[in-house]
PDB file of N, CA and C in Angstrom:
ATOM      1  N   MET A   1      40.443 153.378 229.447  1.00  0.00           N
ATOM      2  CA  MET A   1      39.226 153.161 228.706  1.00  0.00           C
ATOM      3  C   MET A   1      38.514 154.486 228.440  1.00  0.00           C
ATOM      4  N   ALA A   2      38.496 155.331 229.432  1.00  0.00           N
ATOM      5  CA  ALA A   2      37.820 156.627 229.271  1.00  0.00           C
ATOM      6  C   ALA A   2      38.497 157.465 228.190  1.00  0.00           C
ATOM      7  N   ARG A   3      39.816 157.409 228.124  1.00  0.00           N
ATOM      8  CA  ARG A   3      40.531 158.173 227.097  1.00  0.00           C
ATOM      9  C   ARG A   3      40.200 157.668 225.703  1.00  0.00           C
ATOM     10  N   GLN A   4      40.131 156.353 225.554  1.00  0.00           N
ATOM     11  CA  GLN A   4      39.810 155.789 224.248  1.00  0.00           C
ATOM     12  C   GLN A   4      38.392 156.144 223.819  1.00  0.00           C
ATOM     13  N   VAL A   5      37.446 156.054 224.741  1.00  0.00           N
ATOM     14  CA  VAL A   5      36.061 156.390 224.421  1.00  0.00           C
ATOM     15  C   VAL A   5      35.947 157.877 224.083  1.00  0.00           C
ATOM     16  N   ARG A   6      36.625 158.708 224.840  1.00  0.00           N
ATOM     17  CA  ARG A   6      36.585 160.148 224.565  1.00  0.00           C
ATOM     18  C   ARG A   6      37.194 160.465 223.208  1.00  0.00           C
ATOM     19  N   ALA A   7      38.333 159.864 222.903  1.00  0.00           N
ATOM     20  CA  ALA A   7      38.984 160.103 221.611  1.00  0.00           C
ATOM     21  C   ALA A   7      38.118 159.604 220.459  1.00  0.00           C
ATOM     22  N   GLN A   8      37.527 158.441 220.621  1.00  0.00           N
ATOM     23  CA  GLN A   8      36.658 157.905 219.575  1.00  0.00           C
ATOM     24  C   GLN A   8      35.417 158.777 219.396  1.00  0.00           C
ATOM     25  N   THR A   9      34.848 159.264 220.488  1.00  0.00           N
ATOM     26  CA  THR A   9      33.672 160.131 220.409  1.00  0.00           C
ATOM     27  C   THR A   9      34.008 161.432 219.706  1.00  0.00           C
ATOM     28  N   ARG A  10      35.147 162.008 220.043  1.00  0.00           N
ATOM     29  CA  ARG A  10      35.558 163.254 219.381  1.00  0.00           C
ATOM     30  C   ARG A  10      35.815 163.019 217.901  1.00  0.00           C
ATOM     31  N   SER A  11      36.354 161.862 217.567  1.00  0.00           N
ATOM     32  CA  SER A  11      36.580 161.526 216.163  1.00  0.00           C
ATOM     33  C   SER A  11      35.257 161.351 215.426  1.00  0.00           C
ATOM     34  N   LEU A  12      34.320 160.670 216.051  1.00  0.00           N
ATOM     35  CA  LEU A  12      33.016 160.446 215.418  1.00  0.00           C
ATOM     36  C   LEU A  12      32.238 161.752 215.245  1.00  0.00           C
ATOM     37  N   ARG A  13      32.432 162.680 216.156  1.00  0.00           N
ATOM     38  CA  ARG A  13      31.719 163.951 216.101  1.00  0.00           C
ATOM     39  C   ARG A  13      32.036 164.710 214.813  1.00  0.00           C
ATOM     40  N   GLU A  14      33.235 164.512 214.301  1.00  0.00           N
ATOM     41  CA  GLU A  14      33.663 165.210 213.090  1.00  0.00           C
ATOM     42  C   GLU A  14      33.379 164.432 211.812  1.00  0.00           C
ATOM     43  N   ARG A  15      32.847 163.231 211.912  1.00  0.00           N
ATOM     44  CA  ARG A  15      32.595 162.414 210.717  1.00  0.00           C
ATOM     45  C   ARG A  15      31.386 162.949 209.957  1.00  0.00           C
ATOM     46  N   GLY A  16      31.323 162.601 208.696  1.00  0.00           N
ATOM     47  CA  GLY A  16      30.306 163.140 207.808  1.00  0.00           C
ATOM     48  C   GLY A  16      28.888 162.747 208.176  1.00  0.00           C
ATOM     49  N   PHE A  17      28.656 161.496 208.582  1.00  0.00           N
ATOM     50  CA  PHE A  17      27.294 161.068 208.872  1.00  0.00           C
ATOM     51  C   PHE A  17      26.740 161.734 210.131  1.00  0.00           C
ATOM     52  N   VAL A  18      27.597 162.041 211.097  1.00  0.00           N
ATOM     53  CA  VAL A  18      27.136 162.745 212.298  1.00  0.00           C
ATOM     54  C   VAL A  18      26.855 164.208 211.966  1.00  0.00           C
ATOM     55  N   ARG A  19      27.727 164.821 211.192  1.00  0.00           N
ATOM     56  CA  ARG A  19      27.495 166.209 210.779  1.00  0.00           C
ATOM     57  C   ARG A  19      26.217 166.335 209.953  1.00  0.00           C
ATOM     58  N   ALA A  20      26.003 165.378 209.052  1.00  0.00           N
ATOM     59  CA  ALA A  20      24.803 165.422 208.220  1.00  0.00           C
ATOM     60  C   ALA A  20      23.541 165.304 209.074  1.00  0.00           C
ATOM     61  N   ALA A  21      23.585 164.433 210.066  1.00  0.00           N
ATOM     62  CA  ALA A  21      22.424 164.281 210.946  1.00  0.00           C
ATOM     63  C   ALA A  21      22.182 165.555 211.749  1.00  0.00           C
ATOM     64  N   ARG A  22      23.237 166.175 212.244  1.00  0.00           N
ATOM     65  CA  ARG A  22      23.081 167.408 213.020  1.00  0.00           C
ATOM     66  C   ARG A  22      22.577 168.558 212.147  1.00  0.00           C
ATOM     67  N   PHE A  23      23.123 168.673 210.912  1.00  0.00           N
ATOM     68  CA  PHE A  23      22.704 169.762 210.024  1.00  0.00           C
ATOM     69  C   PHE A  23      21.282 169.570 209.519  1.00  0.00           C
ATOM     70  N   SER A  24      20.812 168.329 209.501  1.00  0.00           N
ATOM     71  CA  SER A  24      19.444 168.091 209.053  1.00  0.00           C
ATOM     72  C   SER A  24      18.424 168.388 210.149  1.00  0.00           C
ATOM     73  N   GLY A  25      18.905 168.745 211.336  1.00  0.00           N
ATOM     74  CA  GLY A  25      18.008 169.155 212.408  1.00  0.00           C
ATOM     75  C   GLY A  25      17.698 168.060 213.420  1.00  0.00           C
ATOM     76  N   ALA A  26      18.422 166.968 213.383  1.00  0.00           N
ATOM     77  CA  ALA A  26      18.180 165.881 214.333  1.00  0.00           C
ATOM     78  C   ALA A  26      18.627 166.314 215.731  1.00  0.00           C
ATOM     79  N   PRO A  27      17.861 165.952 216.747  1.00  0.00           N
ATOM     80  CA  PRO A  27      18.273 166.301 218.116  1.00  0.00           C
ATOM     81  C   PRO A  27      19.565 165.572 218.499  1.00  0.00           C
ATOM     82  N   LEU A  28      20.306 166.174 219.398  1.00  0.00           N
ATOM     83  CA  LEU A  28      21.595 165.621 219.805  1.00  0.00           C
ATOM     84  C   LEU A  28      21.445 164.223 220.400  1.00  0.00           C
ATOM     85  N   GLY A  29      20.420 164.001 221.209  1.00  0.00           N
ATOM     86  CA  GLY A  29      20.201 162.677 221.801  1.00  0.00           C
ATOM     87  C   GLY A  29      19.967 161.609 220.748  1.00  0.00           C
ATOM     88  N   TRP A  30      19.217 161.946 219.718  1.00  0.00           N
ATOM     89  CA  TRP A  30      18.948 160.988 218.641  1.00  0.00           C
ATOM     90  C   TRP A  30      20.225 160.659 217.874  1.00  0.00           C
ATOM     91  N   VAL A  31      21.041 161.683 217.633  1.00  0.00           N
ATOM     92  CA  VAL A  31      22.312 161.463 216.936  1.00  0.00           C
ATOM     93  C   VAL A  31      23.213 160.571 217.773  1.00  0.00           C
ATOM     94  N   MET A  32      23.243 160.812 219.080  1.00  0.00           N
ATOM     95  CA  MET A  32      24.080 159.981 219.956  1.00  0.00           C
ATOM     96  C   MET A  32      23.628 158.525 219.936  1.00  0.00           C
ATOM     97  N   VAL A  33      22.329 158.291 220.085  1.00  0.00           N
ATOM     98  CA  VAL A  33      21.811 156.925 220.158  1.00  0.00           C
ATOM     99  C   VAL A  33      21.903 156.234 218.806  1.00  0.00           C
ATOM    100  N   ARG A  34      21.632 156.943 217.756  1.00  0.00           N
ATOM    101  CA  ARG A  34      21.540 156.327 216.433  1.00  0.00           C
ATOM    102  C   ARG A  34      22.882 156.198 215.732  1.00  0.00           C
ATOM    103  N   HIS A  35      23.802 157.125 215.955  1.00  0.00           N
ATOM    104  CA  HIS A  35      25.043 157.140 215.184  1.00  0.00           C
ATOM    105  C   HIS A  35      26.311 156.944 216.020  1.00  0.00           C
ATOM    106  N   VAL A  36      26.394 157.621 217.155  1.00  0.00           N
ATOM    107  CA  VAL A  36      27.652 157.606 217.908  1.00  0.00           C
ATOM    108  C   VAL A  36      27.784 156.331 218.735  1.00  0.00           C
ATOM    109  N   TRP A  37      26.782 155.976 219.522  1.00  0.00           N
ATOM    110  CA  TRP A  37      26.884 154.801 220.390  1.00  0.00           C
ATOM    111  C   TRP A  37      27.104 153.494 219.639  1.00  0.00           C
ATOM    112  N   PRO A  38      26.432 153.244 218.529  1.00  0.00           N
ATOM    113  CA  PRO A  38      26.731 151.999 217.810  1.00  0.00           C
ATOM    114  C   PRO A  38      28.177 151.924 217.323  1.00  0.00           C
ATOM    115  N   ASN A  39      28.757 153.064 216.979  1.00  0.00           N
ATOM    116  CA  ASN A  39      30.146 153.062 216.540  1.00  0.00           C
ATOM    117  C   ASN A  39      31.124 152.978 217.708  1.00  0.00           C
ATOM    118  N   LEU A  40      30.676 153.314 218.905  1.00  0.00           N
ATOM    119  CA  LEU A  40      31.511 153.166 220.098  1.00  0.00           C
ATOM    120  C   LEU A  40      31.435 151.764 220.699  1.00  0.00           C
ATOM    121  N   ALA A  41      30.439 150.996 220.294  1.00  0.00           N
ATOM    122  CA  ALA A  41      30.203 149.692 220.913  1.00  0.00           C
ATOM    123  C   ALA A  41      31.407 148.775 220.785  1.00  0.00           C
ATOM    124  N   SER A  42      32.072 148.767 219.647  1.00  0.00           N
ATOM    125  CA  SER A  42      33.209 147.862 219.484  1.00  0.00           C
ATOM    126  C   SER A  42      34.356 148.231 220.427  1.00  0.00           C
ATOM    127  N   VAL A  43      34.582 149.528 220.607  1.00  0.00           N
ATOM    128  CA  VAL A  43      35.629 149.968 221.534  1.00  0.00           C
ATOM    129  C   VAL A  43      35.287 149.544 222.959  1.00  0.00           C
ATOM    130  N   LEU A  44      34.029 149.713 223.349  1.00  0.00           N
ATOM    131  CA  LEU A  44      33.605 149.349 224.699  1.00  0.00           C
ATOM    132  C   LEU A  44      33.686 147.843 224.934  1.00  0.00           C
ATOM    133  N   VAL A  45      33.287 147.046 223.948  1.00  0.00           N
ATOM    134  CA  VAL A  45      33.327 145.593 224.101  1.00  0.00           C
ATOM    135  C   VAL A  45      34.754 145.109 224.238  1.00  0.00           C
ATOM    136  N   VAL A  46      35.641 145.593 223.411  1.00  0.00           N
ATOM    137  CA  VAL A  46      37.043 145.168 223.483  1.00  0.00           C
ATOM    138  C   VAL A  46      37.658 145.569 224.814  1.00  0.00           C
ATOM    139  N   ASP A  47      37.406 146.798 225.253  1.00  0.00           N
ATOM    140  CA  ASP A  47      37.956 147.241 226.533  1.00  0.00           C
ATOM    141  C   ASP A  47      37.388 146.443 227.697  1.00  0.00           C
ATOM    142  N   ALA A  48      36.114 146.113 227.640  1.00  0.00           N
ATOM    143  CA  ALA A  48      35.496 145.339 228.723  1.00  0.00           C
ATOM    144  C   ALA A  48      36.077 143.934 228.794  1.00  0.00           C
ATOM    145  N   THR A  49      36.253 143.289 227.655  1.00  0.00           N
ATOM    146  CA  THR A  49      36.791 141.924 227.692  1.00  0.00           C
ATOM    147  C   THR A  49      38.264 141.914 228.068  1.00  0.00           C
ATOM    148  N   VAL A  50      39.006 142.917 227.655  1.00  0.00           N
ATOM    149  CA  VAL A  50      40.394 143.026 228.110  1.00  0.00           C
ATOM    150  C   VAL A  50      40.416 143.271 229.614  1.00  0.00           C
ATOM    151  N   GLY A  51      39.468 144.054 230.097  1.00  0.00           N
ATOM    152  CA  GLY A  51      39.363 144.296 231.535  1.00  0.00           C
ATOM    153  C   GLY A  51      39.039 143.036 232.312  1.00  0.00           C
ATOM    154  N   VAL A  52      38.206 142.156 231.747  1.00  0.00           N
ATOM    155  CA  VAL A  52      37.895 140.880 232.411  1.00  0.00           C
ATOM    156  C   VAL A  52      39.157 140.029 232.518  1.00  0.00           C
ATOM    157  N   GLY A  53      39.899 139.927 231.426  1.00  0.00           N
ATOM    158  CA  GLY A  53      41.146 139.163 231.464  1.00  0.00           C
ATOM    159  C   GLY A  53      42.147 139.743 232.450  1.00  0.00           C
ATOM    160  N   ALA A  54      42.251 141.060 232.466  1.00  0.00           N
ATOM    161  CA  ALA A  54      43.165 141.708 233.407  1.00  0.00           C
ATOM    162  C   ALA A  54      42.721 141.498 234.845  1.00  0.00           C
ATOM    163  N   ALA A  55      41.414 141.529 235.096  1.00  0.00           N
ATOM    164  CA  ALA A  55      40.914 141.306 236.456  1.00  0.00           C
ATOM    165  C   ALA A  55      41.194 139.883 236.925  1.00  0.00           C
ATOM    166  N   VAL A  56      41.005 138.910 236.045  1.00  0.00           N
ATOM    167  CA  VAL A  56      41.292 137.511 236.404  1.00  0.00           C
ATOM    168  C   VAL A  56      42.778 137.343 236.700  1.00  0.00           C
ATOM    169  N   LEU A  57      43.636 137.910 235.849  1.00  0.00           N
ATOM    170  CA  LEU A  57      45.079 137.804 236.088  1.00  0.00           C
ATOM    171  C   LEU A  57      45.500 138.540 237.357  1.00  0.00           C
ATOM    172  N   THR A  58      44.911 139.692 237.627  1.00  0.00           N
ATOM    173  CA  THR A  58      45.239 140.440 238.844  1.00  0.00           C
ATOM    174  C   THR A  58      44.845 139.670 240.087  1.00  0.00           C
ATOM    175  N   GLU A  59      43.642 139.103 240.074  1.00  0.00           N
ATOM    176  CA  GLU A  59      43.191 138.322 241.227  1.00  0.00           C
ATOM    177  C   GLU A  59      44.075 137.104 241.429  1.00  0.00           C
ATOM    178  N   ALA A  60      44.427 136.410 240.358  1.00  0.00           N
ATOM    179  CA  ALA A  60      45.282 135.233 240.478  1.00  0.00           C
ATOM    180  C   ALA A  60      46.668 135.613 240.987  1.00  0.00           C
ATOM    181  N   THR A  61      47.198 136.723 240.506  1.00  0.00           N
ATOM    182  CA  THR A  61      48.519 137.167 240.955  1.00  0.00           C
ATOM    183  C   THR A  61      48.512 137.538 242.437  1.00  0.00           C
ATOM    184  N   LEU A  62      47.509 138.305 242.847  1.00  0.00           N
ATOM    185  CA  LEU A  62      47.432 138.694 244.255  1.00  0.00           C
ATOM    186  C   LEU A  62      47.227 137.473 245.151  1.00  0.00           C
ATOM    187  N   SER A  63      46.401 136.539 244.713  1.00  0.00           N
ATOM    188  CA  SER A  63      46.186 135.324 245.502  1.00  0.00           C
ATOM    189  C   SER A  63      47.444 134.468 245.547  1.00  0.00           C
ATOM    190  N   TYR A  64      48.182 134.427 244.466  1.00  0.00           N
ATOM    191  CA  TYR A  64      49.431 133.658 244.423  1.00  0.00           C
ATOM    192  C   TYR A  64      50.427 134.193 245.456  1.00  0.00           C
ATOM    193  N   PHE A  65      50.511 135.502 245.568  1.00  0.00           N
ATOM    194  CA  PHE A  65      51.440 136.104 246.520  1.00  0.00           C
ATOM    195  C   PHE A  65      50.876 136.199 247.932  1.00  0.00           C
ATOM    196  N   GLY A  66      49.634 135.759 248.131  1.00  0.00           N
ATOM    197  CA  GLY A  66      49.063 135.732 249.471  1.00  0.00           C
ATOM    198  C   GLY A  66      48.384 137.012 249.900  1.00  0.00           C
ATOM    199  N   VAL A  67      48.178 137.935 248.973  1.00  0.00           N
ATOM    200  CA  VAL A  67      47.554 139.204 249.319  1.00  0.00           C
ATOM    201  C   VAL A  67      46.061 139.191 249.003  1.00  0.00           C
ATOM    202  N   GLY A  68      45.649 138.387 248.046  1.00  0.00           N
ATOM    203  CA  GLY A  68      44.256 138.345 247.606  1.00  0.00           C
ATOM    204  C   GLY A  68      43.458 137.326 248.400  1.00  0.00           C
ATOM    205  N   VAL A  69      42.812 136.416 247.686  1.00  0.00           N
ATOM    206  CA  VAL A  69      42.004 135.369 248.304  1.00  0.00           C
ATOM    207  C   VAL A  69      42.940 134.434 249.067  1.00  0.00           C
ATOM    208  N   ARG A  70      42.571 134.132 250.308  1.00  0.00           N
ATOM    209  CA  ARG A  70      43.422 133.266 251.135  1.00  0.00           C
ATOM    210  C   ARG A  70      42.723 131.955 251.400  1.00  0.00           C
ATOM    211  N   LEU A  71      43.510 130.965 251.737  1.00  0.00           N
ATOM    212  CA  LEU A  71      42.957 129.658 252.089  1.00  0.00           C
ATOM    213  C   LEU A  71      42.072 129.808 253.312  1.00  0.00           C
ATOM    214  N   PRO A  72      40.997 129.140 253.420  1.00  0.00           N
ATOM    215  CA  PRO A  72      40.510 127.973 252.706  1.00  0.00           C
ATOM    216  C   PRO A  72      39.705 128.295 251.456  1.00  0.00           C
ATOM    217  N   ASP A  73      39.552 129.586 251.112  1.00  0.00           N
ATOM    218  CA  ASP A  73      38.870 129.925 249.861  1.00  0.00           C
ATOM    219  C   ASP A  73      39.751 129.524 248.692  1.00  0.00           C
ATOM    220  N   VAL A  74      39.116 129.166 247.603  1.00  0.00           N
ATOM    221  CA  VAL A  74      39.856 128.648 246.458  1.00  0.00           C
ATOM    222  C   VAL A  74      39.834 129.657 245.323  1.00  0.00           C
ATOM    223  N   SER A  75      40.992 129.887 244.739  1.00  0.00           N
ATOM    224  CA  SER A  75      41.111 130.665 243.514  1.00  0.00           C
ATOM    225  C   SER A  75      42.267 130.073 242.723  1.00  0.00           C
ATOM    226  N   LEU A  76      42.396 130.482 241.481  1.00  0.00           N
ATOM    227  CA  LEU A  76      43.482 129.949 240.666  1.00  0.00           C
ATOM    228  C   LEU A  76      44.842 130.346 241.235  1.00  0.00           C
ATOM    229  N   GLY A  77      44.936 131.506 241.815  1.00  0.00           N
ATOM    230  CA  GLY A  77      46.202 131.939 242.412  1.00  0.00           C
ATOM    231  C   GLY A  77      46.600 131.097 243.607  1.00  0.00           C
ATOM    232  N   THR A  78      45.624 130.768 244.475  1.00  0.00           N
ATOM    233  CA  THR A  78      45.954 129.919 245.624  1.00  0.00           C
ATOM    234  C   THR A  78      46.285 128.493 245.174  1.00  0.00           C
ATOM    235  N   LEU A  79      45.608 128.009 244.140  1.00  0.00           N
ATOM    236  CA  LEU A  79      45.937 126.689 243.608  1.00  0.00           C
ATOM    237  C   LEU A  79      47.344 126.663 243.018  1.00  0.00           C
ATOM    238  N   LEU A  80      47.720 127.722 242.316  1.00  0.00           N
ATOM    239  CA  LEU A  80      49.077 127.810 241.775  1.00  0.00           C
ATOM    240  C   LEU A  80      50.110 127.908 242.893  1.00  0.00           C
ATOM    241  N   ALA A  81      49.790 128.667 243.934  1.00  0.00           N
ATOM    242  CA  ALA A  81      50.734 128.827 245.042  1.00  0.00           C
ATOM    243  C   ALA A  81      50.943 127.522 245.800  1.00  0.00           C
ATOM    244  N   THR A  82      49.876 126.761 246.001  1.00  0.00           N
ATOM    245  CA  THR A  82      50.043 125.491 246.717  1.00  0.00           C
ATOM    246  C   THR A  82      50.699 124.436 245.851  1.00  0.00           C
ATOM    247  N   GLY A  83      50.556 124.532 244.529  1.00  0.00           N
ATOM    248  CA  GLY A  83      51.158 123.549 243.637  1.00  0.00           C
ATOM    249  C   GLY A  83      52.560 123.892 243.187  1.00  0.00           C
ATOM    250  N   ALA A  84      53.007 125.118 243.369  1.00  0.00           N
ATOM    251  CA  ALA A  84      54.324 125.546 242.894  1.00  0.00           C
ATOM    252  C   ALA A  84      55.486 124.801 243.542  1.00  0.00           C
ATOM    253  N   PRO A  85      55.491 124.572 244.856  1.00  0.00           N
ATOM    254  CA  PRO A  85      56.640 123.853 245.431  1.00  0.00           C
ATOM    255  C   PRO A  85      56.769 122.411 244.923  1.00  0.00           C
ATOM    256  N   ALA A  86      55.674 121.803 244.542  1.00  0.00           N
ATOM    257  CA  ALA A  86      55.713 120.414 244.092  1.00  0.00           C
ATOM    258  C   ALA A  86      55.650 120.310 242.573  1.00  0.00           C
ATOM    259  N   ALA A  87      55.981 121.375 241.852  1.00  0.00           N
ATOM    260  CA  ALA A  87      55.847 121.381 240.397  1.00  0.00           C
ATOM    261  C   ALA A  87      56.789 120.395 239.719  1.00  0.00           C
ATOM    262  N   THR A  88      57.920 120.100 240.332  1.00  0.00           N
ATOM    263  CA  THR A  88      58.856 119.158 239.704  1.00  0.00           C
ATOM    264  C   THR A  88      58.504 117.711 240.009  1.00  0.00           C
ATOM    265  N   THR A  89      57.922 117.450 241.172  1.00  0.00           N
ATOM    266  CA  THR A  89      57.601 116.063 241.522  1.00  0.00           C
ATOM    267  C   THR A  89      56.165 115.687 241.167  1.00  0.00           C
ATOM    268  N   ARG A  90      55.243 116.627 241.323  1.00  0.00           N
ATOM    269  CA  ARG A  90      53.830 116.396 240.980  1.00  0.00           C
ATOM    270  C   ARG A  90      53.348 117.562 240.112  1.00  0.00           C
ATOM    271  N   PRO A  91      53.693 117.541 238.831  1.00  0.00           N
ATOM    272  CA  PRO A  91      53.426 118.708 237.978  1.00  0.00           C
ATOM    273  C   PRO A  91      51.948 118.994 237.756  1.00  0.00           C
ATOM    274  N   TRP A  92      51.071 118.015 237.915  1.00  0.00           N
ATOM    275  CA  TRP A  92      49.642 118.251 237.697  1.00  0.00           C
ATOM    276  C   TRP A  92      49.053 119.223 238.704  1.00  0.00           C
ATOM    277  N   LEU A  93      49.681 119.341 239.896  1.00  0.00           N
ATOM    278  CA  LEU A  93      49.185 120.290 240.892  1.00  0.00           C
ATOM    279  C   LEU A  93      49.378 121.736 240.443  1.00  0.00           C
ATOM    280  N   PHE A  94      50.359 121.963 239.588  1.00  0.00           N
ATOM    281  CA  PHE A  94      50.644 123.299 239.076  1.00  0.00           C
ATOM    282  C   PHE A  94      50.118 123.488 237.653  1.00  0.00           C
ATOM    283  N   ALA A  95      50.204 122.435 236.845  1.00  0.00           N
ATOM    284  CA  ALA A  95      49.887 122.550 235.423  1.00  0.00           C
ATOM    285  C   ALA A  95      48.395 122.785 235.179  1.00  0.00           C
ATOM    286  N   PHE A  96      47.531 122.079 235.878  1.00  0.00           N
ATOM    287  CA  PHE A  96      46.094 122.233 235.628  1.00  0.00           C
ATOM    288  C   PHE A  96      45.562 123.617 236.015  1.00  0.00           C
ATOM    289  N   PRO A  97      45.926 124.167 237.180  1.00  0.00           N
ATOM    290  CA  PRO A  97      45.484 125.545 237.459  1.00  0.00           C
ATOM    291  C   PRO A  97      46.086 126.568 236.488  1.00  0.00           C
ATOM    292  N   ALA A  98      47.348 126.359 236.090  1.00  0.00           N
ATOM    293  CA  ALA A  98      47.963 127.276 235.131  1.00  0.00           C
ATOM    294  C   ALA A  98      47.254 127.200 233.782  1.00  0.00           C
ATOM    295  N   LEU A  99      46.916 125.993 233.347  1.00  0.00           N
ATOM    296  CA  LEU A  99      46.188 125.822 232.105  1.00  0.00           C
ATOM    297  C   LEU A  99      44.792 126.453 232.192  1.00  0.00           C
ATOM    298  N   ALA A 100      44.136 126.288 233.319  1.00  0.00           N
ATOM    299  CA  ALA A 100      42.816 126.897 233.501  1.00  0.00           C
ATOM    300  C   ALA A 100      42.903 128.420 233.440  1.00  0.00           C
ATOM    301  N   LEU A 101      43.949 128.982 234.016  1.00  0.00           N
ATOM    302  CA  LEU A 101      44.135 130.430 233.982  1.00  0.00           C
ATOM    303  C   LEU A 101      44.368 130.916 232.555  1.00  0.00           C
ATOM    304  N   VAL A 102      45.223 130.232 231.835  1.00  0.00           N
ATOM    305  CA  VAL A 102      45.511 130.607 230.443  1.00  0.00           C
ATOM    306  C   VAL A 102      44.251 130.482 229.590  1.00  0.00           C
ATOM    307  N   LEU A 103      43.507 129.402 229.759  1.00  0.00           N
ATOM    308  CA  LEU A 103      42.288 129.202 228.968  1.00  0.00           C
ATOM    309  C   LEU A 103      41.216 130.237 229.299  1.00  0.00           C
ATOM    310  N   THR A 104      41.100 130.608 230.560  1.00  0.00           N
ATOM    311  CA  THR A 104      40.106 131.608 230.956  1.00  0.00           C
ATOM    312  C   THR A 104      40.410 132.967 230.344  1.00  0.00           C
ATOM    313  N   VAL A 105      41.653 133.397 230.432  1.00  0.00           N
ATOM    314  CA  VAL A 105      42.034 134.699 229.880  1.00  0.00           C
ATOM    315  C   VAL A 105      41.947 134.675 228.357  1.00  0.00           C
ATOM    316  N   SER A 106      42.360 133.580 227.743  1.00  0.00           N
ATOM    317  CA  SER A 106      42.264 133.468 226.284  1.00  0.00           C
ATOM    318  C   SER A 106      40.815 133.460 225.819  1.00  0.00           C
ATOM    319  N   ALA A 107      39.948 132.764 226.552  1.00  0.00           N
ATOM    320  CA  ALA A 107      38.535 132.725 226.189  1.00  0.00           C
ATOM    321  C   ALA A 107      37.906 134.116 226.276  1.00  0.00           C
ATOM    322  N   ALA A 108      38.253 134.880 227.293  1.00  0.00           N
ATOM    323  CA  ALA A 108      37.723 136.243 227.411  1.00  0.00           C
ATOM    324  C   ALA A 108      38.192 137.098 226.241  1.00  0.00           C
ATOM    325  N   SER A 109      39.443 136.947 225.858  1.00  0.00           N
ATOM    326  CA  SER A 109      39.976 137.713 224.737  1.00  0.00           C
ATOM    327  C   SER A 109      39.321 137.311 223.419  1.00  0.00           C
ATOM    328  N   LEU A 110      39.177 136.022 223.197  1.00  0.00           N
ATOM    329  CA  LEU A 110      38.537 135.556 221.965  1.00  0.00           C
ATOM    330  C   LEU A 110      37.069 135.946 221.908  1.00  0.00           C
ATOM    331  N   LEU A 111      36.390 135.916 223.038  1.00  0.00           N
ATOM    332  CA  LEU A 111      35.001 136.354 223.089  1.00  0.00           C
ATOM    333  C   LEU A 111      34.895 137.832 222.723  1.00  0.00           C
ATOM    334  N   GLY A 112      35.802 138.627 223.225  1.00  0.00           N
ATOM    335  CA  GLY A 112      35.807 140.052 222.891  1.00  0.00           C
ATOM    336  C   GLY A 112      36.054 140.283 221.414  1.00  0.00           C
ATOM    337  N   ASP A 113      36.980 139.544 220.827  1.00  0.00           N
ATOM    338  CA  ASP A 113      37.228 139.680 219.394  1.00  0.00           C
ATOM    339  C   ASP A 113      36.005 139.279 218.578  1.00  0.00           C
ATOM    340  N   ALA A 114      35.349 138.190 218.970  1.00  0.00           N
ATOM    341  CA  ALA A 114      34.158 137.733 218.241  1.00  0.00           C
ATOM    342  C   ALA A 114      33.023 138.741 218.373  1.00  0.00           C
ATOM    343  N   LEU A 115      32.832 139.291 219.569  1.00  0.00           N
ATOM    344  CA  LEU A 115      31.784 140.296 219.755  1.00  0.00           C
ATOM    345  C   LEU A 115      32.081 141.570 218.976  1.00  0.00           C
ATOM    346  N   ARG A 116      33.340 141.968 218.954  1.00  0.00           N
ATOM    347  CA  ARG A 116      33.714 143.158 218.182  1.00  0.00           C
ATOM    348  C   ARG A 116      33.442 142.947 216.699  1.00  0.00           C
ATOM    349  N   ASP A 117      33.802 141.777 216.175  1.00  0.00           N
ATOM    350  CA  ASP A 117      33.533 141.492 214.769  1.00  0.00           C
ATOM    351  C   ASP A 117      32.041 141.464 214.482  1.00  0.00           C
ATOM    352  N   ALA A 118      31.254 140.923 215.402  1.00  0.00           N
ATOM    353  CA  ALA A 118      29.802 140.866 215.204  1.00  0.00           C
ATOM    354  C   ALA A 118      29.196 142.265 215.269  1.00  0.00           C
ATOM    355  N   ILE A 119      29.676 143.090 216.173  1.00  0.00           N
ATOM    356  CA  ILE A 119      29.143 144.453 216.306  1.00  0.00           C
ATOM    357  C   ILE A 119      29.561 145.302 215.117  1.00  0.00           C
ATOM    358  N   ASP A 120      30.814 145.182 214.690  1.00  0.00           N
ATOM    359  CA  ASP A 120      31.301 145.982 213.554  1.00  0.00           C
ATOM    360  C   ASP A 120      30.602 145.605 212.258  1.00  0.00           C
ATOM    361  N   ALA A 121      30.160 144.351 212.133  1.00  0.00           N
ATOM    362  CA  ALA A 121      29.487 143.932 210.904  1.00  0.00           C
ATOM    363  C   ALA A 121      28.141 144.642 210.750  1.00  0.00           C
ATOM    364  N   GLY A 122      27.482 144.968 211.870  1.00  0.00           N
ATOM    365  CA  GLY A 122      26.183 145.615 211.807  1.00  0.00           C
ATOM    366  C   GLY A 122      26.237 147.128 211.922  1.00  0.00           C
ATOM    367  N   ALA A 123      27.404 147.668 212.196  1.00  0.00           N
ATOM    368  CA  ALA A 123      27.518 149.128 212.390  1.00  0.00           C
ATOM    369  C   ALA A 123      27.495 149.857 211.055  1.00  0.00           C
ATOM    370  N   PRO A 124      26.901 151.023 211.008  1.00  0.00           N
ATOM    371  CA  PRO A 124      26.886 151.780 209.762  1.00  0.00           C
ATOM    372  C   PRO A 124      28.278 152.290 209.425  1.00  0.00           C
ATOM    373  N   ARG A 125      28.592 152.297 208.170  1.00  0.00           N
ATOM    374  CA  ARG A 125      29.891 152.774 207.717  1.00  0.00           C
ATOM    375  C   ARG A 125      29.730 154.183 207.157  1.00  0.00           C
ATOM    376  N   ALA A 126      30.732 154.999 207.374  1.00  0.00           N
ATOM    377  CA  ALA A 126      30.664 156.357 206.864  1.00  0.00           C
ATOM    378  C   ALA A 126      31.477 156.487 205.596  1.00  0.00           C
TER     379      ALA A 126
END
């Protein structure tokens, strides 16, 4: 995430609207708040929502293998682990937690896409 933000910031620094603001005598802080940060917002939102999905999947994976959350605490990974041996005879024990995991990660991704589209619609174009 830091590499993407740094690359985007360096790219924005060379754009015409930032140069025009700097050459017109605007302070650096004002240029950052007014021009650079709004254009970085979409990158930050997408990275944050991808990070949420990755965190949920990481926690579920670690809990599934017994390294993360352990019983009697409940997580999607522990629910999947307890339902996996009976997946052929009682598939609902495995299917519902798996579906919840897929829906949670998909919802985070779709939320990030919607927020990025909403932020990009209001951002100034150069």
